[in-house]
Amino acid sequence: MDVIFRQPEDDYCDPLELRPDSSLGVPGLIEAARAGQVAVANALGTGLLQSPAFLPFLPRIARVFLGEDLRLDSAPALWCGEPAALSHVVAHLDRLMIRPAWPGAGPALVVGERLRGDQREDFLSLLRAHPEHFVAQEQVSPGHTPILSGAGLVPRPSVLRGYAVFAKEDYLVMPGGLSLAAADAKAPIIALAQGAWAKDLWVRGEGPVGHFSLLPPATHSVELSRGGADLPSRSADNLFWLGRYVERAEAMARLARHLLGRLADVGDAGIMSSPSSALPACSKCSPLPPSASRSRWRKSSRWRGWPAPLLVVATRVAAQHPARGIAFGGGGPRSPVRRYLSRAGGAGRRGTASRGLVTKPSLGTLTGFLDRVITSLSALSGLAMESMTRGHGWRFLDMGRRLERALQGLSLLRAAFASGAERDGALLETLLAVADSSITYRRRYLAGLHPAAVVDLLLVDDGNPRAVLFQIEALREHLLHLPRDATRLACVPRSVWPWRRSRVFNCWM
């Protein structure tokens, strides 16, 4: 970015060097402009020229600096800091509007004819105490424009705001402009801040308008680029958390789908009371609602009458709904990450987000809903792998997914073995199902479930894309390709896992 045209006022442009409570500016803007790294078209401080204090002196300024008179006079104005001007303002207050000479010097706008009694005396006392703070200007009767309202066409005061552009060594006044009409027929001033209506005013030309563009023609040579480093920090943050929420929603959906399968096999009582139930381990892995008989979910009409285990599964999915909403909505038209995701991905996310749970669904309905969630999230992951260029945006998205997958895998392993998974085949089966590694395990080990083999597959098998070590290696690869200060970031072998001879790399700042 080379040039900035700023909209906020001077004080709000940089919270680091000006107003620290501003959320409108760009931190570091003044330092960048001072170093010549960026040019501000309407430089900081030029807002001084908009001060009403200059209005009484514009004719003399034009004669001194330009050697000519103003081509278009302003409404007569007086600076109250001059004794003669102050006396005139006090004597003819009813015909004048009083403005502060600079922002914050006094009331924003005072209409003399509207002051009554004590209000008038209080303002005159303020004016006499600090006359240099105020500028008086004669009221101008604006023209009226017909406005279409609910009652039909009604007249409203209106003004035209013109625009001039700098061309070569002079300014050119553009045809047309912005037409402002007061919302109130008796409004003393017509301004957007006062609720005025605004419409573009077009002037028809005598013939077709020629096409002009500052963009280079298609035949112009272009410098080829393979970059992707122009990633704003906000987009990087959004992509990272989009990856985390998508992976978290997928893990919860897979876990809930597995619990539904167990429910279909052993029934309501079996899944809640069986020593081999996966629910205790799942409650340690991810927050579950309280006991179904005491839960606030149980009191809701949405869940009333559900079997207890089905209630647990449904509330788990419902609890993850905000995360799914963020994941599915991450590519909305106004989202910072929309430019990095394909339209197909956005359609898939919107489609799944719009098909939620119905009240009191059957096992089949709930299973179908979870299947759609998992399919859509898997499709989003596939689009990220096949359609996103391998720039920094893709790396932050994938880093979020890898980190969340590693955390989910570790949490599930820790919770399962804390609940006795080494003696419980059902918990080992849950681990494989949630990690989507059941087929891989059965292909390698035809008979039985062995705790050591399950741990090896899900923890340190660097060829399994669901293993924790695979996520660590992928994160290390991403970190090595991100821009960094070589004097502060290091990625070195930290320890060796003896049973796999797999190096684990720790990165620190």
Protein backbone atom coordinates (compact mmCIF):
# COMPACT_ATOMS: atom_id res chain seq x y z
CA MET A 1 0.00 0.00 0.00
CA ASP A 2 1.51 3.30 -1.09
CA VAL A 3 -1.20 5.95 -0.59
CA ILE A 4 -3.91 6.31 2.06
CA PHE A 5 -6.92 8.60 1.92
CA ARG A 6 -8.09 8.83 5.50
CA GLN A 7 -11.65 9.34 6.69
CA PRO A 8 -11.24 9.71 10.51
CA GLU A 9 -10.33 13.03 12.06
CA ASP A 10 -6.70 13.71 12.92
CA ASP A 11 -6.89 12.72 16.59
CA TYR A 12 -8.41 9.32 15.78
CA CYS A 13 -5.94 8.21 13.10
CA ASP A 14 -3.29 6.51 15.25
CA PRO A 15 -4.09 5.16 18.75
CA LEU A 16 -0.36 4.69 19.45
CA GLU A 17 0.62 8.34 19.13
CA LEU A 18 -2.67 10.25 19.37
CA ARG A 19 -5.87 9.21 21.14
CA PRO A 20 -5.32 5.79 22.79
CA ASP A 21 -9.08 5.22 23.04
CA SER A 22 -9.54 5.38 19.25
CA SER A 23 -10.65 2.23 17.48
CA LEU A 24 -10.94 3.93 14.08
CA GLY A 25 -7.30 4.54 13.19
CA VAL A 26 -4.35 2.41 12.16
CA PRO A 27 -1.71 1.74 14.83
CA GLY A 28 1.67 2.96 13.62
CA LEU A 29 0.30 5.15 10.80
CA ILE A 30 2.16 8.26 11.91
CA GLU A 31 5.45 6.40 12.23
CA ALA A 32 5.01 4.87 8.77
CA ALA A 33 4.14 8.26 7.23
CA ARG A 34 7.06 9.92 9.00
CA ALA A 35 9.44 7.28 7.65
CA GLY A 36 8.13 7.77 4.10
CA GLN A 37 6.77 4.24 3.83
CA VAL A 38 3.26 5.45 3.02
CA ALA A 39 1.80 8.74 1.78
CA VAL A 40 -1.38 10.16 3.34
CA ALA A 41 -3.22 12.09 0.62
CA ASN A 42 -5.04 14.34 3.10
CA ALA A 43 -2.12 14.61 5.49
CA LEU A 44 -2.55 14.83 9.23
CA GLY A 45 -3.15 18.43 10.20
CA THR A 46 -4.79 19.51 6.95
CA GLY A 47 -8.13 19.40 8.75
CA LEU A 48 -7.11 22.78 10.18
CA LEU A 49 -8.11 24.32 6.86
CA GLN A 50 -11.72 23.27 7.52
CA SER A 51 -11.82 25.33 10.69
CA PRO A 52 -14.57 27.99 10.64
CA ALA A 53 -11.95 30.42 11.97
CA PHE A 54 -10.66 30.87 8.40
CA LEU A 55 -14.04 31.83 6.94
CA PRO A 56 -13.85 35.59 7.72
CA PHE A 57 -10.34 35.82 6.28
CA LEU A 58 -10.70 33.80 3.06
CA PRO A 59 -11.06 36.87 0.78
CA ARG A 60 -7.83 38.40 2.13
CA ILE A 61 -6.04 35.03 2.06
CA ALA A 62 -6.95 34.64 -1.63
CA ARG A 63 -5.66 38.13 -2.49
CA VAL A 64 -2.39 37.70 -0.55
CA PHE A 65 -1.46 34.20 -1.64
CA LEU A 66 -3.14 33.93 -5.06
CA GLY A 67 -3.32 37.57 -6.12
CA GLU A 68 -7.01 37.34 -7.01
CA ASP A 69 -10.45 37.52 -5.47
CA LEU A 70 -12.62 34.54 -4.64
CA ARG A 71 -14.72 33.43 -7.59
CA LEU A 72 -17.50 32.25 -5.29
CA ASP A 73 -18.10 34.20 -2.12
CA SER A 74 -18.93 32.48 1.14
CA ALA A 75 -21.71 33.63 3.42
CA PRO A 76 -20.55 36.72 5.36
CA ALA A 77 -18.70 35.62 8.51
CA LEU A 78 -17.13 37.37 11.51
CA TRP A 79 -14.50 36.21 13.97
CA CYS A 80 -15.71 37.25 17.37
CA GLY A 81 -12.15 37.79 18.59
CA GLU A 82 -12.21 41.25 16.98
CA PRO A 83 -13.97 43.88 19.15
CA ALA A 84 -15.96 45.39 16.28
CA ALA A 85 -17.10 41.93 15.14
CA LEU A 86 -18.12 40.99 18.70
CA SER A 87 -20.25 44.12 19.06
CA HIS A 88 -21.98 43.40 15.73
CA VAL A 89 -22.68 39.77 16.74
CA VAL A 90 -24.19 40.75 20.09
CA ALA A 91 -26.42 43.37 18.44
CA HIS A 92 -27.63 41.12 15.59
CA LEU A 93 -27.58 37.68 17.25
CA ASP A 94 -31.05 36.82 15.95
CA ARG A 95 -29.81 36.83 12.34
CA LEU A 96 -26.64 34.80 12.91
CA MET A 97 -25.43 31.25 13.46
CA ILE A 98 -22.51 30.80 15.87
CA ARG A 99 -19.95 28.05 15.39
CA PRO A 100 -16.85 27.13 17.41
CA ALA A 101 -13.67 28.45 15.80
CA TRP A 102 -12.15 24.98 16.11
CA PRO A 103 -13.49 21.60 17.29
CA GLY A 104 -14.16 21.56 21.02
CA ALA A 105 -13.99 25.33 21.47
CA GLY A 106 -17.69 25.59 22.28
CA PRO A 107 -21.17 24.34 21.40
CA ALA A 108 -21.30 22.69 17.97
CA LEU A 109 -23.89 25.12 16.53
CA VAL A 110 -25.95 27.88 18.05
CA VAL A 111 -28.84 29.45 16.08
CA GLY A 112 -29.41 32.94 17.47
CA GLU A 113 -33.12 33.19 16.71
CA ARG A 114 -33.80 30.02 18.71
CA LEU A 115 -32.27 31.30 21.95
CA ARG A 116 -34.83 32.40 24.54
CA GLY A 117 -34.62 33.93 28.00
CA ASP A 118 -31.89 32.43 30.23
CA GLN A 119 -30.45 30.46 27.31
CA ARG A 120 -29.73 33.66 25.44
CA GLU A 121 -28.16 35.38 28.46
CA ASP A 122 -26.02 32.34 29.31
CA PHE A 123 -24.68 32.13 25.77
CA LEU A 124 -23.95 35.86 25.59
CA SER A 125 -22.00 35.56 28.84
CA LEU A 126 -19.95 32.71 27.36
CA LEU A 127 -19.44 34.66 24.14
CA ARG A 128 -18.19 37.76 25.98
CA ALA A 129 -15.90 35.67 28.20
CA HIS A 130 -14.23 33.83 25.28
CA PRO A 131 -15.01 35.69 22.05
CA GLU A 132 -11.95 34.25 20.29
CA HIS A 133 -13.55 30.79 20.48
CA PHE A 134 -16.45 31.63 18.16
CA VAL A 135 -17.20 32.53 14.54
CA ALA A 136 -20.53 34.06 13.50
CA GLN A 137 -22.02 33.55 10.06
CA GLU A 138 -25.15 34.97 8.50
CA GLN A 139 -27.95 32.50 7.91
CA VAL A 140 -28.41 31.60 4.26
CA SER A 141 -31.84 30.68 2.96
CA PRO A 142 -31.28 27.55 0.87
CA GLY A 143 -33.33 26.56 -2.12
CA HIS A 144 -36.03 23.93 -1.85
CA THR A 145 -36.26 20.60 -3.63
CA PRO A 146 -39.33 18.34 -3.93
CA ILE A 147 -38.85 15.20 -1.86
CA LEU A 148 -40.97 12.06 -2.18
CA SER A 149 -42.30 11.06 1.24
CA GLY A 150 -45.20 9.06 2.59
CA ALA A 151 -47.44 12.08 2.14
CA GLY A 152 -46.36 12.62 -1.45
CA LEU A 153 -44.09 15.36 -2.78
CA VAL A 154 -43.06 17.84 -0.09
CA PRO A 155 -40.55 20.75 -0.29
CA ARG A 156 -37.36 20.46 1.72
CA PRO A 157 -34.32 22.80 2.02
CA SER A 158 -31.44 21.46 -0.04
CA VAL A 159 -27.85 22.27 -0.93
CA LEU A 160 -25.35 20.90 -3.43
CA ARG A 161 -21.92 19.75 -2.38
CA GLY A 162 -19.50 20.10 -5.27
CA TYR A 163 -16.16 18.36 -5.77
CA ALA A 164 -12.90 19.50 -7.32
CA VAL A 165 -10.05 17.25 -8.41
CA PHE A 166 -6.41 18.17 -8.90
CA ALA A 167 -5.29 17.85 -12.54
CA LYS A 168 -1.72 18.72 -13.49
CA GLU A 169 -1.26 22.17 -11.91
CA ASP A 170 -4.85 23.23 -11.33
CA TYR A 171 -8.13 22.04 -9.89
CA LEU A 172 -11.12 21.06 -12.03
CA VAL A 173 -14.66 21.26 -10.70
CA MET A 174 -16.52 18.05 -11.47
CA PRO A 175 -20.02 18.25 -12.97
CA GLY A 176 -22.74 17.19 -10.58
CA GLY A 177 -22.06 16.44 -6.95
CA LEU A 178 -23.85 15.32 -3.81
CA SER A 179 -27.30 16.75 -3.17
CA LEU A 180 -28.31 17.09 0.49
CA ALA A 181 -31.88 17.68 1.63
CA ALA A 182 -32.91 18.38 5.22
CA ALA A 183 -35.19 15.85 6.87
CA ASP A 184 -36.91 18.69 8.77
CA ALA A 185 -38.38 21.61 6.83
CA LYS A 186 -37.19 24.01 9.58
CA ALA A 187 -33.68 22.57 10.01
CA PRO A 188 -31.16 25.40 10.59
CA ILE A 189 -28.35 23.49 8.90
CA ILE A 190 -28.27 20.80 6.23
CA ALA A 191 -25.67 18.17 7.04
CA LEU A 192 -25.42 14.40 7.14
CA ALA A 193 -24.64 14.57 10.85
CA GLN A 194 -28.01 16.32 11.32
CA GLY A 195 -29.96 13.58 9.55
CA ALA A 196 -30.00 15.04 6.04
CA TRP A 197 -30.82 12.82 3.07
CA ALA A 198 -28.17 12.47 0.39
CA LYS A 199 -28.41 11.60 -3.30
CA ASP A 200 -25.89 11.75 -6.13
CA LEU A 201 -26.60 14.53 -8.62
CA TRP A 202 -25.76 13.58 -12.22
CA VAL A 203 -25.39 15.98 -15.15
CA ARG A 204 -26.19 14.50 -18.55
CA GLY A 205 -23.49 14.96 -21.15
CA GLU A 206 -23.95 16.03 -24.74
CA GLY A 207 -22.67 12.71 -26.08
CA PRO A 208 -21.32 9.31 -25.03
CA VAL A 209 -18.74 9.45 -22.26
CA GLY A 210 -15.34 8.16 -23.29
CA HIS A 211 -13.87 5.23 -21.44
CA PHE A 212 -10.90 6.09 -19.28
CA SER A 213 -9.07 3.89 -16.83
CA LEU A 214 -5.87 4.17 -14.85
CA LEU A 215 -5.48 0.40 -15.06
CA PRO A 216 -2.92 -0.85 -17.58
CA PRO A 217 -4.37 -2.37 -20.79
CA ALA A 218 -4.54 -6.13 -21.22
CA THR A 219 -1.69 -5.99 -23.72
CA HIS A 220 0.57 -4.36 -21.15
CA SER A 221 3.38 -6.54 -19.84
CA VAL A 222 2.94 -7.71 -16.28
CA GLU A 223 5.42 -8.90 -13.71
CA LEU A 224 4.59 -12.49 -12.80
CA SER A 225 3.97 -13.19 -9.15
CA ARG A 226 3.89 -16.38 -7.12
CA GLY A 227 3.54 -14.61 -3.82
CA GLY A 228 0.99 -14.84 -1.09
CA ALA A 229 2.70 -12.87 1.62
CA ASP A 230 0.21 -9.98 1.50
CA LEU A 231 -1.88 -11.49 4.28
CA PRO A 232 -3.36 -9.02 6.78
CA SER A 233 -2.96 -10.04 10.41
CA ARG A 234 -6.74 -10.04 10.89
CA SER A 235 -7.21 -12.47 8.00
CA ALA A 236 -4.44 -14.70 9.33
CA ASP A 237 -6.15 -14.77 12.73
CA ASN A 238 -9.55 -15.53 11.18
CA LEU A 239 -8.17 -18.31 9.00
CA PHE A 240 -6.34 -19.87 11.95
CA TRP A 241 -9.47 -19.95 14.09
CA LEU A 242 -11.62 -21.07 11.18
CA GLY A 243 -9.36 -24.11 10.90
CA ARG A 244 -9.61 -24.77 14.62
CA TYR A 245 -13.40 -24.46 14.76
CA VAL A 246 -13.90 -26.65 11.70
CA GLU A 247 -11.69 -29.38 13.17
CA ARG A 248 -13.34 -29.07 16.58
CA ALA A 249 -16.83 -29.36 15.09
CA GLU A 250 -15.80 -32.39 13.05
CA ALA A 251 -14.30 -34.13 16.09
CA MET A 252 -17.45 -33.53 18.13
CA ALA A 253 -19.68 -34.71 15.30
CA ARG A 254 -17.68 -37.93 14.90
CA LEU A 255 -17.80 -38.54 18.63
CA ALA A 256 -21.55 -37.94 18.78
CA ARG A 257 -22.14 -40.21 15.78
CA HIS A 258 -20.18 -43.00 17.46
CA LEU A 259 -22.24 -42.61 20.65
CA LEU A 260 -25.41 -42.91 18.58
CA GLY A 261 -24.10 -46.16 17.16
CA ARG A 262 -23.46 -47.45 20.67
CA LEU A 263 -26.96 -46.36 21.67
CA ALA A 264 -28.45 -48.37 18.81
CA ASP A 265 -26.42 -51.45 19.88
CA VAL A 266 -27.00 -51.57 23.65
CA GLY A 267 -30.07 -49.39 24.19
CA ASP A 268 -30.81 -46.56 26.61
CA ALA A 269 -29.91 -48.26 29.86
CA GLY A 270 -26.90 -50.08 28.50
CA ILE A 271 -25.03 -47.06 27.25
CA MET A 272 -25.54 -45.18 30.52
CA SER A 273 -24.90 -47.99 33.03
CA SER A 274 -22.49 -50.35 31.28
CA PRO A 275 -18.95 -50.33 32.72
CA SER A 276 -17.69 -50.24 29.15
CA SER A 277 -19.67 -47.09 28.30
CA ALA A 278 -17.72 -44.43 26.42
CA LEU A 279 -19.68 -41.59 28.00
CA PRO A 280 -17.51 -41.12 31.12
CA ALA A 281 -14.39 -40.82 28.99
CA CYS A 282 -16.14 -38.50 26.58
CA SER A 283 -17.22 -36.22 29.41
CA LYS A 284 -13.57 -35.76 30.37
CA CYS A 285 -12.51 -35.17 26.78
CA SER A 286 -15.07 -32.45 26.06
CA PRO A 287 -17.58 -30.63 28.28
CA LEU A 288 -20.88 -32.47 28.51
CA PRO A 289 -24.08 -31.12 30.03
CA PRO A 290 -24.91 -32.16 33.61
CA SER A 291 -26.82 -35.34 34.39
CA ALA A 292 -29.89 -35.57 32.22
CA SER A 293 -32.25 -35.64 35.21
CA ARG A 294 -30.81 -32.39 36.64
CA SER A 295 -29.86 -30.56 33.45
CA ARG A 296 -31.48 -27.32 32.36
CA TRP A 297 -31.54 -28.93 28.91
CA ARG A 298 -33.97 -31.51 30.26
CA LYS A 299 -36.43 -28.76 31.21
CA SER A 300 -36.46 -27.28 27.73
CA SER A 301 -39.41 -28.21 25.51
CA ARG A 302 -36.90 -28.85 22.76
CA TRP A 303 -35.54 -31.91 24.58
CA ARG A 304 -38.52 -32.93 26.76
CA GLY A 305 -39.33 -36.61 26.47
CA TRP A 306 -35.98 -37.70 25.02
CA PRO A 307 -34.20 -40.80 26.37
CA ALA A 308 -31.33 -39.81 28.67
CA PRO A 309 -28.44 -40.99 26.46
CA LEU A 310 -29.98 -39.46 23.36
CA LEU A 311 -30.35 -36.23 25.33
CA VAL A 312 -26.63 -36.30 26.12
CA VAL A 313 -25.73 -36.80 22.46
CA ALA A 314 -28.11 -34.11 21.22
CA THR A 315 -26.96 -31.53 23.76
CA ARG A 316 -23.36 -32.22 22.79
CA VAL A 317 -24.19 -31.35 19.19
CA ALA A 318 -26.22 -28.32 20.26
CA ALA A 319 -23.39 -27.08 22.47
CA GLN A 320 -21.10 -27.11 19.45
CA HIS A 321 -23.56 -25.13 17.32
CA PRO A 322 -21.83 -21.74 17.88
CA ALA A 323 -18.53 -23.25 16.76
CA ARG A 324 -20.19 -24.71 13.69
CA GLY A 325 -21.78 -21.35 12.96
CA ILE A 326 -18.44 -19.61 13.04
CA ALA A 327 -16.88 -22.29 10.88
CA PHE A 328 -19.69 -22.30 8.34
CA GLY A 329 -20.04 -18.52 8.34
CA GLY A 330 -16.32 -17.88 8.09
CA GLY A 331 -16.56 -17.30 4.36
CA GLY A 332 -19.47 -14.85 4.32
CA PRO A 333 -19.42 -12.07 1.74
CA ARG A 334 -18.14 -9.51 4.29
CA SER A 335 -15.74 -11.87 6.04
CA PRO A 336 -11.98 -11.13 5.97
CA VAL A 337 -11.38 -14.76 4.88
CA ARG A 338 -13.90 -14.79 2.00
CA ARG A 339 -11.26 -13.89 -0.60
CA TYR A 340 -9.23 -16.96 0.35
CA LEU A 341 -12.06 -19.53 0.02
CA SER A 342 -13.82 -20.76 -3.08
CA ARG A 343 -17.51 -20.16 -3.79
CA ALA A 344 -18.13 -23.90 -3.60
CA GLY A 345 -16.85 -23.92 -0.04
CA GLY A 346 -19.16 -21.06 0.91
CA ALA A 347 -22.18 -22.80 -0.60
CA GLY A 348 -21.36 -26.00 1.29
CA ARG A 349 -21.04 -24.17 4.60
CA ARG A 350 -24.28 -22.24 4.15
CA GLY A 351 -26.15 -25.38 3.14
CA THR A 352 -25.14 -27.33 6.21
CA ALA A 353 -25.64 -24.43 8.58
CA SER A 354 -29.23 -24.02 7.41
CA ARG A 355 -30.19 -27.63 8.07
CA GLY A 356 -30.12 -27.98 11.86
CA LEU A 357 -31.78 -30.31 14.33
CA VAL A 358 -35.53 -30.58 14.48
CA THR A 359 -37.41 -30.94 17.73
CA LYS A 360 -37.26 -34.50 19.10
CA PRO A 361 -35.57 -36.15 16.11
CA SER A 362 -35.31 -39.89 15.80
CA LEU A 363 -32.03 -41.76 15.92
CA GLY A 364 -32.01 -41.93 12.14
CA THR A 365 -32.68 -38.20 11.76
CA LEU A 366 -29.94 -37.28 14.21
CA THR A 367 -27.48 -39.66 12.55
CA GLY A 368 -28.29 -38.19 9.15
CA PHE A 369 -27.73 -34.70 10.50
CA LEU A 370 -24.30 -35.70 11.86
CA ASP A 371 -23.43 -37.36 8.55
CA ARG A 372 -24.20 -34.10 6.72
CA VAL A 373 -22.09 -32.12 9.16
CA ILE A 374 -19.12 -34.46 8.77
CA THR A 375 -19.47 -34.61 4.99
CA SER A 376 -19.61 -30.84 4.67
CA LEU A 377 -16.63 -30.29 6.96
CA SER A 378 -14.65 -32.93 5.11
CA ALA A 379 -15.53 -31.23 1.83
CA LEU A 380 -14.27 -27.93 3.22
CA SER A 381 -10.99 -29.59 4.18
CA GLY A 382 -10.75 -31.08 0.70
CA LEU A 383 -11.33 -27.71 -0.93
CA ALA A 384 -8.62 -26.20 1.24
CA MET A 385 -6.17 -28.90 0.15
CA GLU A 386 -7.04 -28.82 -3.55
CA SER A 387 -8.17 -25.26 -4.28
CA MET A 388 -6.20 -22.93 -2.00
CA THR A 389 -2.79 -21.79 -3.19
CA ARG A 390 0.00 -22.65 -0.79
CA GLY A 391 0.42 -19.15 0.58
CA HIS A 392 0.42 -17.88 4.13
CA GLY A 393 -3.40 -17.93 4.24
CA TRP A 394 -3.50 -21.66 3.58
CA ARG A 395 -0.75 -22.24 6.13
CA PHE A 396 -2.63 -20.43 8.90
CA LEU A 397 -5.83 -22.32 8.07
CA ASP A 398 -4.00 -25.66 8.12
CA MET A 399 -2.08 -24.77 11.28
CA GLY A 400 -5.39 -24.19 13.05
CA ARG A 401 -6.65 -27.57 11.89
CA ARG A 402 -3.45 -29.39 12.84
CA LEU A 403 -3.23 -27.82 16.26
CA GLU A 404 -6.87 -28.54 17.07
CA ARG A 405 -6.59 -32.13 15.81
CA ALA A 406 -3.53 -32.73 17.98
CA LEU A 407 -5.25 -31.27 21.04
CA GLN A 408 -8.42 -33.28 20.42
CA GLY A 409 -6.41 -36.47 19.94
CA LEU A 410 -4.39 -35.97 23.11
CA SER A 411 -7.49 -35.10 25.14
CA LEU A 412 -9.34 -38.18 23.94
CA LEU A 413 -6.37 -40.49 24.57
CA ARG A 414 -5.80 -39.07 28.05
CA ALA A 415 -9.49 -39.30 28.97
CA ALA A 416 -9.89 -42.82 27.58
CA PHE A 417 -6.88 -44.33 29.37
CA ALA A 418 -7.75 -42.49 32.58
CA SER A 419 -11.04 -44.43 32.37
CA GLY A 420 -9.30 -47.78 31.86
CA ALA A 421 -9.13 -48.10 28.08
CA GLU A 422 -6.32 -50.66 28.35
CA ARG A 423 -8.92 -53.09 29.76
CA ASP A 424 -11.94 -51.87 27.78
CA GLY A 425 -12.32 -52.77 24.11
CA ALA A 426 -15.29 -50.39 23.71
CA LEU A 427 -13.15 -47.39 24.62
CA LEU A 428 -10.41 -48.50 22.23
CA GLU A 429 -13.04 -48.81 19.50
CA THR A 430 -14.25 -45.29 20.34
CA LEU A 431 -10.72 -43.93 19.98
CA LEU A 432 -10.34 -45.49 16.53
CA ALA A 433 -13.80 -44.39 15.37
CA VAL A 434 -13.42 -40.76 16.41
CA ALA A 435 -9.96 -40.61 14.81
CA ASP A 436 -11.35 -42.19 11.63
CA SER A 437 -8.68 -44.88 11.86
CA SER A 438 -10.74 -48.05 12.33
CA ILE A 439 -10.15 -49.32 8.77
CA THR A 440 -6.42 -48.66 8.98
CA TYR A 441 -6.19 -50.55 12.28
CA ARG A 442 -8.19 -53.55 11.01
CA ARG A 443 -6.03 -53.75 7.93
CA ARG A 444 -2.85 -53.88 10.00
CA TYR A 445 -4.10 -55.97 12.93
CA LEU A 446 -6.67 -58.51 11.88
CA ALA A 447 -7.47 -59.86 15.32
CA GLY A 448 -8.36 -58.06 18.52
CA LEU A 449 -7.78 -54.58 19.90
CA HIS A 450 -4.37 -54.05 21.50
CA PRO A 451 -3.82 -50.88 23.57
CA ALA A 452 -0.21 -50.52 22.45
CA ALA A 453 -1.16 -50.81 18.79
CA VAL A 454 -3.96 -48.24 19.16
CA VAL A 455 -1.65 -45.79 20.91
CA ASP A 456 1.04 -46.30 18.26
CA LEU A 457 -1.44 -45.63 15.45
CA LEU A 458 -3.04 -42.55 17.02
CA LEU A 459 -0.03 -41.01 18.73
CA VAL A 460 3.30 -41.61 17.00
CA ASP A 461 2.54 -43.05 13.56
CA ASP A 462 3.93 -40.27 11.34
CA GLY A 463 2.23 -41.86 8.31
CA ASN A 464 -1.27 -41.55 9.79
CA PRO A 465 -2.79 -38.12 9.07
CA ARG A 466 -4.85 -38.48 12.26
CA ALA A 467 -1.88 -39.18 14.54
CA VAL A 468 -0.61 -36.56 16.96
CA LEU A 469 2.97 -36.82 15.67
CA PHE A 470 1.75 -36.19 12.12
CA GLN A 471 0.17 -32.91 13.31
CA ILE A 472 3.39 -31.87 15.08
CA GLU A 473 5.47 -32.50 11.97
CA ALA A 474 2.97 -30.58 9.83
CA LEU A 475 3.04 -27.63 12.25
CA ARG A 476 6.82 -27.62 12.20
CA GLU A 477 6.81 -27.57 8.39
CA HIS A 478 4.43 -24.59 8.36
CA LEU A 479 6.50 -22.67 10.91
CA LEU A 480 9.63 -23.11 8.83
CA HIS A 481 7.93 -21.44 5.84
CA LEU A 482 6.45 -18.46 7.70
CA PRO A 483 8.33 -15.14 7.72
CA ARG A 484 10.19 -14.68 10.97
CA ASP A 485 13.11 -12.99 12.63
CA ALA A 486 15.90 -15.53 12.36
CA THR A 487 17.51 -14.20 15.55
CA ARG A 488 14.45 -14.94 17.68
CA LEU A 489 12.82 -18.12 16.34
CA ALA A 490 14.48 -21.51 16.32
CA CYS A 491 13.26 -24.98 15.34
CA VAL A 492 15.67 -27.66 16.53
CA PRO A 493 15.40 -31.30 17.57
CA ARG A 494 14.35 -31.17 21.20
CA SER A 495 13.98 -34.78 22.20
CA VAL A 496 13.91 -38.28 20.73
CA TRP A 497 11.07 -40.69 21.31
CA PRO A 498 12.93 -43.96 21.99
CA TRP A 499 10.20 -46.38 21.03
CA ARG A 500 9.69 -44.83 17.60
CA ARG A 501 12.98 -43.01 17.00
CA SER A 502 10.83 -40.11 15.87
CA ARG A 503 12.20 -36.65 16.50
CA VAL A 504 9.83 -34.19 18.09
CA PHE A 505 10.56 -30.59 17.26
CA ASN A 506 9.76 -27.82 19.71
CA CYS A 507 9.55 -24.24 18.46
CA TRP A 508 9.83 -21.32 20.77
CA MET A 509 10.13 -17.56 20.52
